[in-house]
Amino acid sequence: MMDLNAFLEPGMLVRHPNQPDWGLGQVQSRIDQRITVNFEHAGKVTIDGRVIALRPELP
């Protein structure tokens, strides 16, 4: 299965496409397909990059 978030690096800002109420998130780490993101309103969440394509937030 393809990693939809292979371009993400720690420090990048992202949004979850299915959870807009989580707010802006900052990528904490990416190990293989597991991305840990700290969201404004949901806290630290680990996401499977093969299932969810996080949307980068441009500065």
PDB file of N, CA and C in Angstrom:
ATOM      1  N   MET A   1       0.836  -1.182   0.000  1.00  0.00           N
ATOM      2  CA  MET A   1       0.000   0.000   0.000  1.00  0.00           C
ATOM      3  C   MET A   1       0.883   1.250   0.000  1.00  0.00           C
ATOM      4  N   MET A   2       0.440   2.296  -0.648  1.00  0.00           N
ATOM      5  CA  MET A   2       1.215   3.524  -0.823  1.00  0.00           C
ATOM      6  C   MET A   2       1.126   4.430   0.411  1.00  0.00           C
ATOM      7  N   ASP A   3       2.241   5.048   0.772  1.00  0.00           N
ATOM      8  CA  ASP A   3       2.265   6.011   1.868  1.00  0.00           C
ATOM      9  C   ASP A   3       1.865   7.369   1.305  1.00  0.00           C
ATOM     10  N   LEU A   4       0.678   7.836   1.683  1.00  0.00           N
ATOM     11  CA  LEU A   4       0.135   9.090   1.157  1.00  0.00           C
ATOM     12  C   LEU A   4       0.788  10.323   1.775  1.00  0.00           C
ATOM     13  N   ASN A   5       1.619  10.111   2.796  1.00  0.00           N
ATOM     14  CA  ASN A   5       2.222  11.224   3.531  1.00  0.00           C
ATOM     15  C   ASN A   5       3.741  11.166   3.548  1.00  0.00           C
ATOM     16  N   ALA A   6       4.335  10.546   2.536  1.00  0.00           N
ATOM     17  CA  ALA A   6       5.787  10.345   2.514  1.00  0.00           C
ATOM     18  C   ALA A   6       6.560  11.664   2.551  1.00  0.00           C
ATOM     19  N   PHE A   7       5.954  12.756   2.142  1.00  0.00           N
ATOM     20  CA  PHE A   7       6.627  14.058   2.094  1.00  0.00           C
ATOM     21  C   PHE A   7       6.659  14.769   3.442  1.00  0.00           C
ATOM     22  N   LEU A   8       5.893  14.290   4.429  1.00  0.00           N
ATOM     23  CA  LEU A   8       5.803  14.981   5.713  1.00  0.00           C
ATOM     24  C   LEU A   8       7.078  14.815   6.530  1.00  0.00           C
ATOM     25  N   GLU A   9       7.437  15.906   7.222  1.00  0.00           N
ATOM     26  CA  GLU A   9       8.595  15.909   8.103  1.00  0.00           C
ATOM     27  C   GLU A   9       8.200  16.541   9.425  1.00  0.00           C
ATOM     28  N   PRO A  10       8.893  16.191  10.509  1.00  0.00           N
ATOM     29  CA  PRO A  10       8.595  16.829  11.794  1.00  0.00           C
ATOM     30  C   PRO A  10       8.649  18.349  11.693  1.00  0.00           C
ATOM     31  N   GLY A  11       7.680  18.978  12.341  1.00  0.00           N
ATOM     32  CA  GLY A  11       7.588  20.437  12.335  1.00  0.00           C
ATOM     33  C   GLY A  11       6.586  20.974  11.337  1.00  0.00           C
ATOM     34  N   MET A  12       6.232  20.180  10.326  1.00  0.00           N
ATOM     35  CA  MET A  12       5.270  20.653   9.317  1.00  0.00           C
ATOM     36  C   MET A  12       3.878  20.778   9.935  1.00  0.00           C
ATOM     37  N   LEU A  13       3.103  21.745   9.433  1.00  0.00           N
ATOM     38  CA  LEU A  13       1.732  21.957   9.891  1.00  0.00           C
ATOM     39  C   LEU A  13       0.772  21.266   8.933  1.00  0.00           C
ATOM     40  N   VAL A  14      -0.225  20.577   9.505  1.00  0.00           N
ATOM     41  CA  VAL A  14      -1.173  19.792   8.709  1.00  0.00           C
ATOM     42  C   VAL A  14      -2.579  19.900   9.293  1.00  0.00           C
ATOM     43  N   ARG A  15      -3.533  19.463   8.488  1.00  0.00           N
ATOM     44  CA  ARG A  15      -4.916  19.309   8.947  1.00  0.00           C
ATOM     45  C   ARG A  15      -5.396  17.921   8.561  1.00  0.00           C
ATOM     46  N   HIS A  16      -6.261  17.345   9.400  1.00  0.00           N
ATOM     47  CA  HIS A  16      -6.846  16.039   9.119  1.00  0.00           C
ATOM     48  C   HIS A  16      -8.095  16.286   8.261  1.00  0.00           C
ATOM     49  N   PRO A  17      -8.192  15.682   7.076  1.00  0.00           N
ATOM     50  CA  PRO A  17      -9.306  15.973   6.169  1.00  0.00           C
ATOM     51  C   PRO A  17     -10.679  15.562   6.700  1.00  0.00           C
ATOM     52  N   ASN A  18     -10.742  14.578   7.596  1.00  0.00           N
ATOM     53  CA  ASN A  18     -12.029  14.096   8.113  1.00  0.00           C
ATOM     54  C   ASN A  18     -12.343  14.620   9.505  1.00  0.00           C
ATOM     55  N   GLN A  19     -11.433  15.377  10.087  1.00  0.00           N
ATOM     56  CA  GLN A  19     -11.616  15.884  11.451  1.00  0.00           C
ATOM     57  C   GLN A  19     -11.267  17.372  11.531  1.00  0.00           C
ATOM     58  N   PRO A  20     -12.016  18.231  10.838  1.00  0.00           N
ATOM     59  CA  PRO A  20     -11.676  19.661  10.843  1.00  0.00           C
ATOM     60  C   PRO A  20     -11.732  20.289  12.235  1.00  0.00           C
ATOM     61  N   ASP A  21     -12.526  19.712  13.144  1.00  0.00           N
ATOM     62  CA  ASP A  21     -12.642  20.254  14.495  1.00  0.00           C
ATOM     63  C   ASP A  21     -11.378  20.019  15.330  1.00  0.00           C
ATOM     64  N   TRP A  22     -10.461  19.176  14.850  1.00  0.00           N
ATOM     65  CA  TRP A  22      -9.195  18.959  15.557  1.00  0.00           C
ATOM     66  C   TRP A  22      -8.278  20.162  15.419  1.00  0.00           C
ATOM     67  N   GLY A  23      -8.525  21.005  14.425  1.00  0.00           N
ATOM     68  CA  GLY A  23      -7.711  22.199  14.215  1.00  0.00           C
ATOM     69  C   GLY A  23      -6.381  21.886  13.550  1.00  0.00           C
ATOM     70  N   LEU A  24      -5.495  22.830  13.662  1.00  0.00           N
ATOM     71  CA  LEU A  24      -4.170  22.727  13.057  1.00  0.00           C
ATOM     72  C   LEU A  24      -3.316  21.753  13.859  1.00  0.00           C
ATOM     73  N   GLY A  25      -2.530  20.956  13.138  1.00  0.00           N
ATOM     74  CA  GLY A  25      -1.647  20.004  13.808  1.00  0.00           C
ATOM     75  C   GLY A  25      -0.210  20.176  13.359  1.00  0.00           C
ATOM     76  N   GLN A  26       0.710  19.842  14.245  1.00  0.00           N
ATOM     77  CA  GLN A  26       2.132  19.879  13.917  1.00  0.00           C
ATOM     78  C   GLN A  26       2.670  18.451  13.957  1.00  0.00           C
ATOM     79  N   VAL A  27       3.313  18.048  12.874  1.00  0.00           N
ATOM     80  CA  VAL A  27       3.880  16.707  12.794  1.00  0.00           C
ATOM     81  C   VAL A  27       5.000  16.594  13.824  1.00  0.00           C
ATOM     82  N   GLN A  28       4.913  15.567  14.668  1.00  0.00           N
ATOM     83  CA  GLN A  28       5.931  15.308  15.687  1.00  0.00           C
ATOM     84  C   GLN A  28       6.955  14.303  15.172  1.00  0.00           C
ATOM     85  N   SER A  29       6.454  13.257  14.486  1.00  0.00           N
ATOM     86  CA  SER A  29       7.355  12.246  13.937  1.00  0.00           C
ATOM     87  C   SER A  29       6.653  11.472  12.832  1.00  0.00           C
ATOM     88  N   ARG A  30       7.465  10.839  11.980  1.00  0.00           N
ATOM     89  CA  ARG A  30       6.938   9.947  10.938  1.00  0.00           C
ATOM     90  C   ARG A  30       7.880   8.766  10.858  1.00  0.00           C
ATOM     91  N   ILE A  31       7.370   7.609  11.247  1.00  0.00           N
ATOM     92  CA  ILE A  31       8.140   6.369  11.194  1.00  0.00           C
ATOM     93  C   ILE A  31       7.382   5.410  10.292  1.00  0.00           C
ATOM     94  N   ASP A  32       7.952   5.153   9.121  1.00  0.00           N
ATOM     95  CA  ASP A  32       7.270   4.374   8.078  1.00  0.00           C
ATOM     96  C   ASP A  32       5.932   5.040   7.789  1.00  0.00           C
ATOM     97  N   GLN A  33       4.825   4.358   7.987  1.00  0.00           N
ATOM     98  CA  GLN A  33       3.514   4.936   7.678  1.00  0.00           C
ATOM     99  C   GLN A  33       2.824   5.531   8.900  1.00  0.00           C
ATOM    100  N   ARG A  34       3.464   5.488  10.060  1.00  0.00           N
ATOM    101  CA  ARG A  34       2.849   6.042  11.277  1.00  0.00           C
ATOM    102  C   ARG A  34       3.300   7.481  11.474  1.00  0.00           C
ATOM    103  N   ILE A  35       2.326   8.387  11.494  1.00  0.00           N
ATOM    104  CA  ILE A  35       2.617   9.808  11.674  1.00  0.00           C
ATOM    105  C   ILE A  35       1.999  10.244  12.990  1.00  0.00           C
ATOM    106  N   THR A  36       2.814  10.820  13.856  1.00  0.00           N
ATOM    107  CA  THR A  36       2.301  11.358  15.117  1.00  0.00           C
ATOM    108  C   THR A  36       2.182  12.861  14.953  1.00  0.00           C
ATOM    109  N   VAL A  37       0.961  13.350  15.232  1.00  0.00           N
ATOM    110  CA  VAL A  37       0.655  14.767  15.050  1.00  0.00           C
ATOM    111  C   VAL A  37       0.060  15.306  16.344  1.00  0.00           C
ATOM    112  N   ASN A  38       0.479  16.495  16.734  1.00  0.00           N
ATOM    113  CA  ASN A  38      -0.099  17.156  17.895  1.00  0.00           C
ATOM    114  C   ASN A  38      -1.091  18.205  17.381  1.00  0.00           C
ATOM    115  N   PHE A  39      -2.397  17.920  17.543  1.00  0.00           N
ATOM    116  CA  PHE A  39      -3.461  18.810  17.070  1.00  0.00           C
ATOM    117  C   PHE A  39      -3.891  19.768  18.173  1.00  0.00           C
ATOM    118  N   GLU A  40      -4.311  20.981  17.757  1.00  0.00           N
ATOM    119  CA  GLU A  40      -4.756  22.018  18.692  1.00  0.00           C
ATOM    120  C   GLU A  40      -5.833  21.530  19.648  1.00  0.00           C
ATOM    121  N   HIS A  41      -6.844  20.844  19.110  1.00  0.00           N
ATOM    122  CA  HIS A  41      -8.016  20.499  19.907  1.00  0.00           C
ATOM    123  C   HIS A  41      -8.187  19.001  20.142  1.00  0.00           C
ATOM    124  N   ALA A  42      -7.239  18.193  19.708  1.00  0.00           N
ATOM    125  CA  ALA A  42      -7.340  16.738  19.905  1.00  0.00           C
ATOM    126  C   ALA A  42      -6.107  16.168  20.584  1.00  0.00           C
ATOM    127  N   GLY A  43      -5.070  16.981  20.734  1.00  0.00           N
ATOM    128  CA  GLY A  43      -3.844  16.495  21.348  1.00  0.00           C
ATOM    129  C   GLY A  43      -3.041  15.629  20.392  1.00  0.00           C
ATOM    130  N   LYS A  44      -2.233  14.745  20.961  1.00  0.00           N
ATOM    131  CA  LYS A  44      -1.335  13.908  20.171  1.00  0.00           C
ATOM    132  C   LYS A  44      -2.091  12.711  19.616  1.00  0.00           C
ATOM    133  N   VAL A  45      -2.037  12.542  18.287  1.00  0.00           N
ATOM    134  CA  VAL A  45      -2.742  11.473  17.588  1.00  0.00           C
ATOM    135  C   VAL A  45      -1.762  10.792  16.635  1.00  0.00           C
ATOM    136  N   THR A  46      -1.816   9.460  16.601  1.00  0.00           N
ATOM    137  CA  THR A  46      -1.014   8.706  15.640  1.00  0.00           C
ATOM    138  C   THR A  46      -1.909   8.283  14.490  1.00  0.00           C
ATOM    139  N   ILE A  47      -1.475   8.559  13.272  1.00  0.00           N
ATOM    140  CA  ILE A  47      -2.279   8.344  12.066  1.00  0.00           C
ATOM    141  C   ILE A  47      -1.572   7.364  11.151  1.00  0.00           C
ATOM    142  N   ASP A  48      -2.346   6.482  10.541  1.00  0.00           N
ATOM    143  CA  ASP A  48      -1.816   5.529   9.559  1.00  0.00           C
ATOM    144  C   ASP A  48      -1.780   6.234   8.209  1.00  0.00           C
ATOM    145  N   GLY A  49      -0.588   6.527   7.723  1.00  0.00           N
ATOM    146  CA  GLY A  49      -0.410   7.256   6.474  1.00  0.00           C
ATOM    147  C   GLY A  49      -0.852   6.495   5.238  1.00  0.00           C
ATOM    148  N   ARG A  50      -1.135   5.201   5.372  1.00  0.00           N
ATOM    149  CA  ARG A  50      -1.650   4.428   4.234  1.00  0.00           C
ATOM    150  C   ARG A  50      -3.148   4.623   4.077  1.00  0.00           C
ATOM    151  N   VAL A  51      -3.797   5.159   5.120  1.00  0.00           N
ATOM    152  CA  VAL A  51      -5.252   5.291   5.121  1.00  0.00           C
ATOM    153  C   VAL A  51      -5.704   6.749   4.999  1.00  0.00           C
ATOM    154  N   ILE A  52      -5.018   7.646   5.700  1.00  0.00           N
ATOM    155  CA  ILE A  52      -5.398   9.057   5.742  1.00  0.00           C
ATOM    156  C   ILE A  52      -4.302   9.904   5.100  1.00  0.00           C
ATOM    157  N   ALA A  53      -4.689  10.769   4.173  1.00  0.00           N
ATOM    158  CA  ALA A  53      -3.753  11.719   3.562  1.00  0.00           C
ATOM    159  C   ALA A  53      -3.941  13.065   4.265  1.00  0.00           C
ATOM    160  N   LEU A  54      -3.015  13.400   5.149  1.00  0.00           N
ATOM    161  CA  LEU A  54      -3.081  14.682   5.832  1.00  0.00           C
ATOM    162  C   LEU A  54      -2.849  15.814   4.833  1.00  0.00           C
ATOM    163  N   ARG A  55      -3.527  16.932   5.071  1.00  0.00           N
ATOM    164  CA  ARG A  55      -3.381  18.086   4.178  1.00  0.00           C
ATOM    165  C   ARG A  55      -2.371  19.061   4.761  1.00  0.00           C
ATOM    166  N   PRO A  56      -1.305  19.356   4.028  1.00  0.00           N
ATOM    167  CA  PRO A  56      -0.329  20.336   4.533  1.00  0.00           C
ATOM    168  C   PRO A  56      -0.951  21.719   4.586  1.00  0.00           C
ATOM    169  N   GLU A  57      -0.589  22.474   5.610  1.00  0.00           N
ATOM    170  CA  GLU A  57      -1.056  23.849   5.790  1.00  0.00           C
ATOM    171  C   GLU A  57       0.081  24.755   5.361  1.00  0.00           C
ATOM    172  N   LEU A  58      -0.147  25.528   4.347  1.00  0.00           N
ATOM    173  CA  LEU A  58       0.893  26.413   3.825  1.00  0.00           C
ATOM    174  C   LEU A  58       1.013  27.645   4.718  1.00  0.00           C
ATOM    175  N   PRO A  59       2.254  28.108   4.955  1.00  0.00           N
ATOM    176  CA  PRO A  59       2.457  29.288   5.839  1.00  0.00           C
ATOM    177  C   PRO A  59       1.899  30.560   5.252  1.00  0.00           C
TER     178      PRO A  59
END
